[in-house]
C-alpha cells in the first residue's frame, strides 16, 4: 500500500500526516504517532493525497487554534 507523509506545523505544533490509498481515487489521511500507527482521530478522505491531507490540516487548524477569552 502506498503511503504519503506530510510534515506540517499547525498552530505551533508539529504534525505528521500519513495519507494512504484505500481505493481508486480515494485517499485517507490520519495523524501518525511517533511510535508508528495512527491516532484514534476520525480519518479524512479525498480524491488525491494532497486533498485528504489538506482537509485534515484544515480541521486541525480550526480545532487546535488557541481559544480567546472574552
Protein backbone atom coordinates (compact mmCIF):
# COMPACT_ATOMS: atom_id res chain seq x y z
CA UNK A 1 0.00 0.00 0.00
CA UNK A 2 1.36 3.41 -0.94
CA UNK A 3 1.68 5.91 1.94
CA UNK A 4 2.43 9.61 1.51
CA UNK A 5 3.72 11.57 4.53
CA UNK A 6 3.29 15.28 5.09
CA UNK A 7 5.10 17.14 7.88
CA UNK A 8 3.33 20.31 8.94
CA UNK A 9 3.41 22.79 11.78
CA UNK A 10 -0.11 23.84 12.75
CA UNK A 11 -0.66 26.48 15.42
CA UNK A 12 2.96 25.99 16.54
CA UNK A 13 2.71 22.20 16.94
CA UNK A 14 4.41 19.67 14.63
CA UNK A 15 2.24 17.03 12.97
CA UNK A 16 2.96 14.15 10.63
CA UNK A 17 0.01 13.35 8.41
CA UNK A 18 0.02 9.96 6.70
CA UNK A 19 -2.17 9.52 3.64
CA UNK A 20 -2.83 6.05 2.21
CA UNK A 21 -4.69 4.82 -0.85
CA UNK A 22 -7.90 3.00 0.06
CA UNK A 23 -9.40 2.70 -3.42
CA UNK A 24 -9.40 4.18 -6.90
CA UNK A 25 -9.20 7.99 -6.43
CA UNK A 26 -9.79 7.51 -2.68
CA UNK A 27 -7.16 8.51 -0.09
CA UNK A 28 -7.38 8.50 3.72
CA UNK A 29 -5.44 10.96 5.90
CA UNK A 30 -4.59 10.24 9.55
CA UNK A 31 -2.23 11.77 12.10
CA UNK A 32 0.79 9.50 12.56
CA UNK A 33 2.05 8.64 16.03
CA UNK A 34 5.75 8.85 16.84
CA UNK A 35 5.98 5.14 17.61
CA UNK A 36 4.10 4.12 14.47
CA UNK A 37 0.45 3.61 13.74
CA UNK A 38 -2.18 6.33 13.65
CA UNK A 39 -4.31 8.12 16.21
CA UNK A 40 -7.93 7.42 17.01
CA UNK A 41 -8.91 10.65 15.26
CA UNK A 42 -11.54 10.26 12.57
CA UNK A 43 -9.79 9.96 9.19
CA UNK A 44 -10.34 12.46 6.40
CA UNK A 45 -10.85 11.34 2.81
CA UNK A 46 -10.07 12.96 -0.54
CA UNK A 47 -9.56 12.08 -4.20
CA UNK A 48 -5.81 12.84 -4.00
CA UNK A 49 -3.22 12.61 -1.21
CA UNK A 50 -2.95 16.41 -1.11
CA UNK A 51 -6.72 16.89 -0.85
CA UNK A 52 -7.03 14.40 2.03
CA UNK A 53 -4.07 15.97 3.87
CA UNK A 54 -5.45 19.49 3.30
CA UNK A 55 -8.83 18.50 4.76
CA UNK A 56 -7.20 17.07 7.88
CA UNK A 57 -4.82 20.01 8.16
CA UNK A 58 -7.70 22.49 7.88
CA UNK A 59 -9.62 20.70 10.63
CA UNK A 60 -6.53 20.64 12.88
CA UNK A 61 -6.01 24.36 12.27
CA UNK A 62 -9.53 25.10 13.47
CA UNK A 63 -9.59 22.53 16.31
CA UNK A 64 -6.15 23.35 17.73
CA UNK A 65 -6.49 27.12 17.44
CA UNK A 66 -5.93 28.93 20.73
CA UNK A 67 -9.23 29.95 22.33
CA UNK A 68 -9.71 33.58 23.07
CA UNK A 69 -11.45 34.55 26.30
CA UNK A 70 -13.94 37.37 26.05
